[in-house]
């Protein structure tokens, strides 16, 4: 099964230069390599987001406050101090 794709001229030129240097056999191999890198990056992104979500959940369970909550408390305290003079 083949896929017909269009690339901006600068990307097509880059892909062709990769083939000319001998690093890749053909344009399909260049595209496959790029997709493999994209897939790896997306998997890393998903793992990172999962770890952030787990850390957030753990922080909530332990009663830690978010940076936004701390900021709001500090700004409220400053405003209250300014009101008192």
PDB file of N, CA and C in Angstrom:
ATOM      1  N   UNK A   1       0.849  -1.168   0.000  1.00  0.00           N
ATOM      2  CA  UNK A   1       0.000   0.000   0.000  1.00  0.00           C
ATOM      3  C   UNK A   1       0.895   1.230   0.000  1.00  0.00           C
ATOM      4  N   UNK A   2       0.625   2.176  -0.858  1.00  0.00           N
ATOM      5  CA  UNK A   2       1.416   3.391  -0.946  1.00  0.00           C
ATOM      6  C   UNK A   2       0.599   4.603  -0.540  1.00  0.00           C
ATOM      7  N   UNK A   3       1.315   5.627  -0.134  1.00  0.00           N
ATOM      8  CA  UNK A   3       0.677   6.879   0.249  1.00  0.00           C
ATOM      9  C   UNK A   3       1.323   7.981  -0.571  1.00  0.00           C
ATOM     10  N   UNK A   4       0.492   8.803  -1.162  1.00  0.00           N
ATOM     11  CA  UNK A   4       0.986   9.940  -1.923  1.00  0.00           C
ATOM     12  C   UNK A   4       0.990  11.149  -0.991  1.00  0.00           C
ATOM     13  N   UNK A   5       2.150  11.737  -0.774  1.00  0.00           N
ATOM     14  CA  UNK A   5       2.236  12.893   0.110  1.00  0.00           C
ATOM     15  C   UNK A   5       2.824  14.081  -0.627  1.00  0.00           C
ATOM     16  N   UNK A   6       2.480  15.252  -0.144  1.00  0.00           N
ATOM     17  CA  UNK A   6       3.044  16.490  -0.677  1.00  0.00           C
ATOM     18  C   UNK A   6       3.886  17.128   0.407  1.00  0.00           C
ATOM     19  N   UNK A   7       5.040  17.611   0.042  1.00  0.00           N
ATOM     20  CA  UNK A   7       5.935  18.277   0.977  1.00  0.00           C
ATOM     21  C   UNK A   7       6.208  19.693   0.495  1.00  0.00           C
ATOM     22  N   UNK A   8       6.405  20.609   1.413  1.00  0.00           N
ATOM     23  CA  UNK A   8       6.857  21.933   0.991  1.00  0.00           C
ATOM     24  C   UNK A   8       8.204  21.784   0.278  1.00  0.00           C
ATOM     25  N   UNK A   9       8.517  22.663  -0.647  1.00  0.00           N
ATOM     26  CA  UNK A   9       9.749  22.527  -1.429  1.00  0.00           C
ATOM     27  C   UNK A   9      11.009  22.347  -0.583  1.00  0.00           C
ATOM     28  N   UNK A  10      11.097  23.085   0.537  1.00  0.00           N
ATOM     29  CA  UNK A  10      12.320  22.974   1.345  1.00  0.00           C
ATOM     30  C   UNK A  10      12.442  21.597   2.002  1.00  0.00           C
ATOM     31  N   UNK A  11      11.320  20.972   2.380  1.00  0.00           N
ATOM     32  CA  UNK A  11      11.374  19.632   2.966  1.00  0.00           C
ATOM     33  C   UNK A  11      11.678  18.584   1.901  1.00  0.00           C
ATOM     34  N   UNK A  12      11.106  18.772   0.723  1.00  0.00           N
ATOM     35  CA  UNK A  12      11.404  17.827  -0.356  1.00  0.00           C
ATOM     36  C   UNK A  12      12.880  17.902  -0.722  1.00  0.00           C
ATOM     37  N   UNK A  13      13.411  19.110  -0.798  1.00  0.00           N
ATOM     38  CA  UNK A  13      14.829  19.275  -1.102  1.00  0.00           C
ATOM     39  C   UNK A  13      15.690  18.608  -0.022  1.00  0.00           C
ATOM     40  N   UNK A  14      15.318  18.790   1.236  1.00  0.00           N
ATOM     41  CA  UNK A  14      16.051  18.173   2.337  1.00  0.00           C
ATOM     42  C   UNK A  14      15.997  16.651   2.225  1.00  0.00           C
ATOM     43  N   UNK A  15      14.801  16.098   1.975  1.00  0.00           N
ATOM     44  CA  UNK A  15      14.641  14.644   1.868  1.00  0.00           C
ATOM     45  C   UNK A  15      15.482  14.093   0.717  1.00  0.00           C
ATOM     46  N   UNK A  16      15.469  14.789  -0.406  1.00  0.00           N
ATOM     47  CA  UNK A  16      16.273  14.335  -1.555  1.00  0.00           C
ATOM     48  C   UNK A  16      17.772  14.405  -1.247  1.00  0.00           C
ATOM     49  N   UNK A  17      18.176  15.418  -0.478  1.00  0.00           N
ATOM     50  CA  UNK A  17      19.597  15.506  -0.136  1.00  0.00           C
ATOM     51  C   UNK A  17      20.003  14.364   0.799  1.00  0.00           C
ATOM     52  N   UNK A  18      19.071  13.924   1.652  1.00  0.00           N
ATOM     53  CA  UNK A  18      19.355  12.774   2.524  1.00  0.00           C
ATOM     54  C   UNK A  18      19.599  11.518   1.696  1.00  0.00           C
ATOM     55  N   UNK A  19      18.841  11.364   0.618  1.00  0.00           N
ATOM     56  CA  UNK A  19      19.023  10.213  -0.277  1.00  0.00           C
ATOM     57  C   UNK A  19      20.342  10.361  -1.034  1.00  0.00           C
ATOM     58  N   UNK A  20      20.623  11.567  -1.534  1.00  0.00           N
ATOM     59  CA  UNK A  20      21.859  11.801  -2.305  1.00  0.00           C
ATOM     60  C   UNK A  20      23.110  11.490  -1.484  1.00  0.00           C
ATOM     61  N   UNK A  21      23.061  11.771  -0.184  1.00  0.00           N
ATOM     62  CA  UNK A  21      24.244  11.522   0.648  1.00  0.00           C
ATOM     63  C   UNK A  21      24.466  10.046   0.902  1.00  0.00           C
ATOM     64  N   UNK A  22      23.455   9.241   0.582  1.00  0.00           N
ATOM     65  CA  UNK A  22      23.588   7.800   0.760  1.00  0.00           C
ATOM     66  C   UNK A  22      23.113   7.308   2.123  1.00  0.00           C
ATOM     67  N   UNK A  23      22.691   8.210   2.952  1.00  0.00           N
ATOM     68  CA  UNK A  23      22.211   7.797   4.286  1.00  0.00           C
ATOM     69  C   UNK A  23      20.905   7.021   4.168  1.00  0.00           C
ATOM     70  N   UNK A  24      20.096   7.354   3.196  1.00  0.00           N
ATOM     71  CA  UNK A  24      18.814   6.674   2.978  1.00  0.00           C
ATOM     72  C   UNK A  24      18.772   6.149   1.551  1.00  0.00           C
ATOM     73  N   UNK A  25      18.053   5.032   1.381  1.00  0.00           N
ATOM     74  CA  UNK A  25      17.964   4.391   0.070  1.00  0.00           C
ATOM     75  C   UNK A  25      17.037   5.158  -0.873  1.00  0.00           C
ATOM     76  N   UNK A  26      15.911   5.653  -0.326  1.00  0.00           N
ATOM     77  CA  UNK A  26      14.945   6.376  -1.155  1.00  0.00           C
ATOM     78  C   UNK A  26      14.116   7.315  -0.275  1.00  0.00           C
ATOM     79  N   UNK A  27      13.228   8.071  -0.931  1.00  0.00           N
ATOM     80  CA  UNK A  27      12.412   9.039  -0.187  1.00  0.00           C
ATOM     81  C   UNK A  27      11.489   8.368   0.817  1.00  0.00           C
ATOM     82  N   UNK A  28      10.995   7.194   0.501  1.00  0.00           N
ATOM     83  CA  UNK A  28      10.130   6.476   1.436  1.00  0.00           C
ATOM     84  C   UNK A  28      10.873   6.167   2.733  1.00  0.00           C
ATOM     85  N   UNK A  29      12.127   5.805   2.611  1.00  0.00           N
ATOM     86  CA  UNK A  29      12.928   5.508   3.800  1.00  0.00           C
ATOM     87  C   UNK A  29      13.134   6.761   4.649  1.00  0.00           C
ATOM     88  N   UNK A  30      13.294   7.906   3.996  1.00  0.00           N
ATOM     89  CA  UNK A  30      13.428   9.171   4.721  1.00  0.00           C
ATOM     90  C   UNK A  30      12.147   9.458   5.499  1.00  0.00           C
ATOM     91  N   UNK A  31      11.007   9.286   4.845  1.00  0.00           N
ATOM     92  CA  UNK A  31       9.725   9.544   5.494  1.00  0.00           C
ATOM     93  C   UNK A  31       9.499   8.564   6.637  1.00  0.00           C
ATOM     94  N   UNK A  32       9.805   7.283   6.436  1.00  0.00           N
ATOM     95  CA  UNK A  32       9.653   6.292   7.509  1.00  0.00           C
ATOM     96  C   UNK A  32      10.510   6.665   8.709  1.00  0.00           C
ATOM     97  N   UNK A  33      11.724   7.105   8.464  1.00  0.00           N
ATOM     98  CA  UNK A  33      12.616   7.503   9.549  1.00  0.00           C
ATOM     99  C   UNK A  33      12.029   8.683  10.324  1.00  0.00           C
ATOM    100  N   UNK A  34      11.514   9.650   9.586  1.00  0.00           N
ATOM    101  CA  UNK A  34      10.894  10.799  10.233  1.00  0.00           C
ATOM    102  C   UNK A  34       9.685  10.401  11.063  1.00  0.00           C
ATOM    103  N   UNK A  35       8.885   9.486  10.549  1.00  0.00           N
ATOM    104  CA  UNK A  35       7.707   9.027  11.289  1.00  0.00           C
ATOM    105  C   UNK A  35       8.107   8.224  12.528  1.00  0.00           C
ATOM    106  N   UNK A  36       9.185   7.460  12.427  1.00  0.00           N
ATOM    107  CA  UNK A  36       9.670   6.725  13.602  1.00  0.00           C
ATOM    108  C   UNK A  36      10.113   7.702  14.691  1.00  0.00           C
ATOM    109  N   UNK A  37      10.789   8.774  14.299  1.00  0.00           N
ATOM    110  CA  UNK A  37      11.210   9.782  15.279  1.00  0.00           C
ATOM    111  C   UNK A  37       9.995  10.477  15.888  1.00  0.00           C
ATOM    112  N   UNK A  38       9.003  10.786  15.061  1.00  0.00           N
ATOM    113  CA  UNK A  38       7.787  11.411  15.562  1.00  0.00           C
ATOM    114  C   UNK A  38       7.060  10.482  16.526  1.00  0.00           C
ATOM    115  N   UNK A  39       6.982   9.215  16.189  1.00  0.00           N
ATOM    116  CA  UNK A  39       6.336   8.240  17.062  1.00  0.00           C
ATOM    117  C   UNK A  39       7.060   8.170  18.407  1.00  0.00           C
ATOM    118  N   UNK A  40       8.388   8.128  18.386  1.00  0.00           N
ATOM    119  CA  UNK A  40       9.159   8.083  19.630  1.00  0.00           C
ATOM    120  C   UNK A  40       8.925   9.344  20.455  1.00  0.00           C
ATOM    121  N   UNK A  41       8.891  10.497  19.803  1.00  0.00           N
ATOM    122  CA  UNK A  41       8.660  11.752  20.513  1.00  0.00           C
ATOM    123  C   UNK A  41       7.265  11.768  21.134  1.00  0.00           C
ATOM    124  N   UNK A  42       6.270  11.273  20.414  1.00  0.00           N
ATOM    125  CA  UNK A  42       4.904  11.227  20.930  1.00  0.00           C
ATOM    126  C   UNK A  42       4.795  10.261  22.108  1.00  0.00           C
ATOM    127  N   UNK A  43       5.513   9.151  22.044  1.00  0.00           N
ATOM    128  CA  UNK A  43       5.511   8.203  23.160  1.00  0.00           C
ATOM    129  C   UNK A  43       6.168   8.823  24.389  1.00  0.00           C
ATOM    130  N   UNK A  44       7.251   9.559  24.189  1.00  0.00           N
ATOM    131  CA  UNK A  44       7.913  10.246  25.300  1.00  0.00           C
ATOM    132  C   UNK A  44       6.993  11.321  25.879  1.00  0.00           C
ATOM    133  N   UNK A  45       6.305  12.039  25.021  1.00  0.00           N
ATOM    134  CA  UNK A  45       5.368  13.076  25.471  1.00  0.00           C
ATOM    135  C   UNK A  45       4.256  12.457  26.303  1.00  0.00           C
ATOM    136  N   UNK A  46       3.699  11.351  25.831  1.00  0.00           N
ATOM    137  CA  UNK A  46       2.627  10.678  26.556  1.00  0.00           C
ATOM    138  C   UNK A  46       3.115  10.185  27.920  1.00  0.00           C
ATOM    139  N   UNK A  47       4.322   9.637  27.958  1.00  0.00           N
ATOM    140  CA  UNK A  47       4.881   9.165  29.226  1.00  0.00           C
ATOM    141  C   UNK A  47       5.110  10.331  30.180  1.00  0.00           C
ATOM    142  N   UNK A  48       5.592  11.447  29.664  1.00  0.00           N
ATOM    143  CA  UNK A  48       5.817  12.630  30.488  1.00  0.00           C
ATOM    144  C   UNK A  48       4.505  13.148  31.060  1.00  0.00           C
ATOM    145  N   UNK A  49       3.477  13.247  30.206  1.00  0.00           N
ATOM    146  CA  UNK A  49       2.174  13.714  30.680  1.00  0.00           C
ATOM    147  C   UNK A  49       1.589  12.765  31.718  1.00  0.00           C
ATOM    148  N   UNK A  50       1.776  11.471  31.518  1.00  0.00           N
ATOM    149  CA  UNK A  50       1.287  10.499  32.499  1.00  0.00           C
ATOM    150  C   UNK A  50       2.003  10.691  33.834  1.00  0.00           C
ATOM    151  N   UNK A  51       3.304  10.960  33.802  1.00  0.00           N
ATOM    152  CA  UNK A  51       4.038  11.167  35.051  1.00  0.00           C
ATOM    153  C   UNK A  51       3.605  12.465  35.725  1.00  0.00           C
ATOM    154  N   UNK A  52       3.316  13.499  34.939  1.00  0.00           N
ATOM    155  CA  UNK A  52       2.808  14.742  35.512  1.00  0.00           C
ATOM    156  C   UNK A  52       1.448  14.528  36.175  1.00  0.00           C
ATOM    157  N   UNK A  53       0.591  13.793  35.497  1.00  0.00           N
ATOM    158  CA  UNK A  53      -0.726  13.517  36.051  1.00  0.00           C
ATOM    159  C   UNK A  53      -0.617  12.701  37.339  1.00  0.00           C
ATOM    160  N   UNK A  54       0.279  11.723  37.350  1.00  0.00           N
ATOM    161  CA  UNK A  54       0.478  10.912  38.554  1.00  0.00           C
ATOM    162  C   UNK A  54       1.017  11.765  39.695  1.00  0.00           C
ATOM    163  N   UNK A  55       1.960  12.657  39.384  1.00  0.00           N
ATOM    164  CA  UNK A  55       2.518  13.536  40.416  1.00  0.00           C
ATOM    165  C   UNK A  55       1.460  14.495  40.948  1.00  0.00           C
ATOM    166  N   UNK A  56       0.620  15.003  40.070  1.00  0.00           N
ATOM    167  CA  UNK A  56      -0.456  15.905  40.493  1.00  0.00           C
ATOM    168  C   UNK A  56      -1.436  15.179  41.398  1.00  0.00           C
ATOM    169  N   UNK A  57      -1.811  13.978  41.020  1.00  0.00           N
ATOM    170  CA  UNK A  57      -2.728  13.183  41.827  1.00  0.00           C
ATOM    171  C   UNK A  57      -2.123  12.891  43.202  1.00  0.00           C
ATOM    172  N   UNK A  58      -0.864  12.512  43.218  1.00  0.00           N
ATOM    173  CA  UNK A  58      -0.191  12.236  44.494  1.00  0.00           C
ATOM    174  C   UNK A  58      -0.135  13.488  45.364  1.00  0.00           C
ATOM    175  N   UNK A  59       0.168  14.626  44.748  1.00  0.00           N
ATOM    176  CA  UNK A  59       0.232  15.883  45.500  1.00  0.00           C
ATOM    177  C   UNK A  59      -1.129  16.223  46.092  1.00  0.00           C
ATOM    178  N   UNK A  60      -2.194  16.011  45.318  1.00  0.00           N
ATOM    179  CA  UNK A  60      -3.541  16.280  45.814  1.00  0.00           C
ATOM    180  C   UNK A  60      -3.882  15.354  46.978  1.00  0.00           C
ATOM    181  N   UNK A  61      -3.497  14.088  46.854  1.00  0.00           N
ATOM    182  CA  UNK A  61      -3.790  13.115  47.910  1.00  0.00           C
ATOM    183  C   UNK A  61      -3.024  13.435  49.191  1.00  0.00           C
ATOM    184  N   UNK A  62      -1.845  14.004  49.056  1.00  0.00           N
ATOM    185  CA  UNK A  62      -1.028  14.343  50.226  1.00  0.00           C
ATOM    186  C   UNK A  62      -1.355  15.732  50.782  1.00  0.00           C
ATOM    187  N   UNK A  63      -2.218  16.460  50.069  1.00  0.00           N
ATOM    188  CA  UNK A  63      -2.629  17.770  50.550  1.00  0.00           C
ATOM    189  C   UNK A  63      -1.715  18.916  50.150  1.00  0.00           C
ATOM    190  N   UNK A  64      -0.850  18.692  49.204  1.00  0.00           N
ATOM    191  CA  UNK A  64       0.004  19.784  48.730  1.00  0.00           C
ATOM    192  C   UNK A  64      -0.828  20.774  47.932  1.00  0.00           C
ATOM    193  N   UNK A  65      -0.388  22.001  47.914  1.00  0.00           N
ATOM    194  CA  UNK A  65      -1.085  23.049  47.181  1.00  0.00           C
ATOM    195  C   UNK A  65      -0.398  23.269  45.832  1.00  0.00           C
ATOM    196  N   UNK A  66      -1.180  23.708  44.864  1.00  0.00           N
ATOM    197  CA  UNK A  66      -0.626  24.016  43.549  1.00  0.00           C
ATOM    198  C   UNK A  66       0.073  25.375  43.596  1.00  0.00           C
ATOM    199  N   UNK A  67       0.904  25.624  42.619  1.00  0.00           N
ATOM    200  CA  UNK A  67       1.591  26.916  42.525  1.00  0.00           C
ATOM    201  C   UNK A  67       0.575  28.044  42.412  1.00  0.00           C
ATOM    202  N   UNK A  68      -0.495  27.812  41.690  1.00  0.00           N
ATOM    203  CA  UNK A  68      -1.536  28.836  41.535  1.00  0.00           C
ATOM    204  C   UNK A  68      -2.206  29.123  42.876  1.00  0.00           C
ATOM    205  N   UNK A  69      -2.463  28.089  43.653  1.00  0.00           N
ATOM    206  CA  UNK A  69      -3.067  28.286  44.972  1.00  0.00           C
ATOM    207  C   UNK A  69      -2.136  29.083  45.892  1.00  0.00           C
ATOM    208  N   UNK A  70      -0.851  28.764  45.851  1.00  0.00           N
ATOM    209  CA  UNK A  70       0.127  29.493  46.668  1.00  0.00           C
ATOM    210  C   UNK A  70       0.188  30.947  46.223  1.00  0.00           C
ATOM    211  N   UNK A  71       0.226  31.166  44.918  1.00  0.00           N
ATOM    212  CA  UNK A  71       0.275  32.523  44.382  1.00  0.00           C
ATOM    213  C   UNK A  71      -0.941  33.326  44.846  1.00  0.00           C
ATOM    214  N   UNK A  72      -2.112  32.722  44.753  1.00  0.00           N
ATOM    215  CA  UNK A  72      -3.339  33.409  45.175  1.00  0.00           C
ATOM    216  C   UNK A  72      -3.271  33.771  46.657  1.00  0.00           C
ATOM    217  N   UNK A  73      -2.787  32.847  47.483  1.00  0.00           N
ATOM    218  CA  UNK A  73      -2.672  33.117  48.919  1.00  0.00           C
ATOM    219  C   UNK A  73      -1.702  34.261  49.194  1.00  0.00           C
ATOM    220  N   UNK A  74      -0.581  34.267  48.504  1.00  0.00           N
ATOM    221  CA  UNK A  74       0.417  35.324  48.693  1.00  0.00           C
ATOM    222  C   UNK A  74      -0.161  36.675  48.262  1.00  0.00           C
ATOM    223  N   UNK A  75      -0.810  36.709  47.110  1.00  0.00           N
ATOM    224  CA  UNK A  75      -1.396  37.963  46.632  1.00  0.00           C
ATOM    225  C   UNK A  75      -2.504  38.452  47.563  1.00  0.00           C
ATOM    226  N   UNK A  76      -3.293  37.523  48.086  1.00  0.00           N
ATOM    227  CA  UNK A  76      -4.330  37.906  49.052  1.00  0.00           C
ATOM    228  C   UNK A  76      -3.705  38.485  50.315  1.00  0.00           C
ATOM    229  N   UNK A  77      -2.629  37.864  50.786  1.00  0.00           N
ATOM    230  CA  UNK A  77      -1.951  38.352  51.996  1.00  0.00           C
ATOM    231  C   UNK A  77      -1.360  39.739  51.764  1.00  0.00           C
ATOM    232  N   UNK A  78      -0.797  39.956  50.596  1.00  0.00           N
ATOM    233  CA  UNK A  78      -0.232  41.274  50.268  1.00  0.00           C
ATOM    234  C   UNK A  78      -1.340  42.320  50.229  1.00  0.00           C
ATOM    235  N   UNK A  79      -2.449  41.984  49.596  1.00  0.00           N
ATOM    236  CA  UNK A  79      -3.583  42.916  49.501  1.00  0.00           C
ATOM    237  C   UNK A  79      -4.118  43.246  50.892  1.00  0.00           C
ATOM    238  N   UNK A  80      -4.211  42.231  51.741  1.00  0.00           N
ATOM    239  CA  UNK A  80      -4.701  42.445  53.108  1.00  0.00           C
ATOM    240  C   UNK A  80      -3.728  43.338  53.889  1.00  0.00           C
ATOM    241  N   UNK A  81      -2.441  43.115  53.736  1.00  0.00           N
ATOM    242  CA  UNK A  81      -1.442  43.936  54.417  1.00  0.00           C
ATOM    243  C   UNK A  81      -1.508  45.372  53.933  1.00  0.00           C
ATOM    244  N   UNK A  82      -1.731  45.571  52.654  1.00  0.00           N
ATOM    245  CA  UNK A  82      -1.846  46.922  52.111  1.00  0.00           C
ATOM    246  C   UNK A  82      -3.102  47.631  52.627  1.00  0.00           C
ATOM    247  N   UNK A  83      -4.192  46.888  52.782  1.00  0.00           N
ATOM    248  CA  UNK A  83      -5.425  47.467  53.318  1.00  0.00           C
ATOM    249  C   UNK A  83      -5.237  47.920  54.771  1.00  0.00           C
ATOM    250  N   UNK A  84      -4.464  47.156  55.516  1.00  0.00           N
ATOM    251  CA  UNK A  84      -4.238  47.485  56.937  1.00  0.00           C
ATOM    252  C   UNK A  84      -3.244  48.635  57.101  1.00  0.00           C
ATOM    253  N   UNK A  85      -2.514  48.883  56.061  1.00  0.00           N
ATOM    254  CA  UNK A  85      -1.628  50.031  56.081  1.00  0.00           C
ATOM    255  C   UNK A  85      -0.278  49.689  56.566  1.00  0.00           C
TER     256      UNK A  85
END
